[in-house]
Amino acid sequence: MGVRYLISEPDEPTWWEKNKPVVYAVVGLAAGFWLASAGGHGDSAPADPGPSPAASITAPPSGR
């Protein structure tokens, strides 16, 4: 546990080192909005599945 001396001041952080968390947050939010909105598939409407079959009524058993 000796005494440590600082010979020179450390370099000031670069722009990237200062703003890396902000850049990642903005890119993550943009990707999240893009995936949640249309997923990159455009504004096309979903395909019409066509008519569905109607319910059929069957006769009850004759009781034999």
Protein backbone atom coordinates (compact mmCIF):
# COMPACT_ATOMS: atom_id res chain seq x y z
CA MET A 1 0.00 0.00 0.00
CA GLY A 2 2.52 2.51 -1.13
CA VAL A 3 1.86 6.00 -2.34
CA ARG A 4 1.16 6.25 -6.07
CA TYR A 5 2.14 9.33 -7.97
CA LEU A 6 0.49 10.47 -11.17
CA ILE A 7 3.19 11.47 -13.63
CA SER A 8 0.86 12.93 -16.28
CA GLU A 9 -2.85 13.58 -16.69
CA PRO A 10 -4.72 10.93 -18.67
CA ASP A 11 -5.94 11.86 -22.14
CA GLU A 12 -9.42 13.29 -22.35
CA PRO A 13 -11.96 10.75 -23.67
CA THR A 14 -12.75 10.89 -27.38
CA TRP A 15 -16.17 11.81 -28.74
CA TRP A 16 -17.01 8.11 -29.24
CA GLU A 17 -16.03 7.19 -25.68
CA LYS A 18 -18.22 9.98 -24.31
CA ASN A 19 -21.28 9.33 -26.48
CA LYS A 20 -21.21 5.55 -27.10
CA PRO A 21 -24.12 4.78 -24.70
CA VAL A 22 -26.28 7.50 -26.28
CA VAL A 23 -25.55 6.26 -29.81
CA TYR A 24 -26.41 2.67 -28.86
CA ALA A 25 -29.64 3.80 -27.16
CA VAL A 26 -30.78 5.78 -30.21
CA VAL A 27 -29.92 2.94 -32.61
CA GLY A 28 -31.71 0.43 -30.35
CA LEU A 29 -34.84 2.56 -30.13
CA ALA A 30 -34.89 3.10 -33.90
CA ALA A 31 -34.53 -0.65 -34.51
CA GLY A 32 -37.28 -1.37 -31.98
CA PHE A 33 -39.70 1.05 -33.59
CA TRP A 34 -38.87 -0.36 -37.03
CA LEU A 35 -39.48 -3.94 -35.90
CA ALA A 36 -42.66 -3.06 -34.02
CA SER A 37 -44.22 -0.98 -36.79
CA ALA A 38 -44.16 -3.00 -39.99
CA GLY A 39 -41.10 -5.13 -39.62
CA GLY A 40 -39.80 -3.73 -42.87
CA HIS A 41 -42.58 -5.30 -44.95
CA GLY A 42 -44.13 -2.05 -46.14
CA ASP A 43 -47.73 -0.95 -45.73
CA SER A 44 -49.37 -3.84 -47.58
CA ALA A 45 -52.67 -5.06 -46.20
CA PRO A 46 -52.94 -8.68 -45.13
CA ALA A 47 -54.25 -11.08 -47.76
CA ASP A 48 -57.97 -11.86 -47.70
CA PRO A 49 -58.33 -15.47 -46.53
CA GLY A 50 -61.51 -15.94 -48.58
CA PRO A 51 -64.89 -17.16 -47.43
CA SER A 52 -65.01 -19.47 -44.45
CA PRO A 53 -67.21 -22.60 -44.55
CA ALA A 54 -70.68 -22.18 -43.11
CA ALA A 55 -71.74 -24.19 -40.09
CA SER A 56 -73.72 -27.28 -41.00
CA ILE A 57 -76.60 -28.65 -38.96
CA THR A 58 -76.82 -32.40 -38.70
CA ALA A 59 -79.95 -34.35 -37.84
CA PRO A 60 -80.06 -35.87 -34.36
CA PRO A 61 -79.83 -39.67 -34.15
CA SER A 62 -83.13 -41.46 -34.76
CA GLY A 63 -82.98 -43.21 -31.37
CA ARG A 64 -82.90 -46.80 -32.52
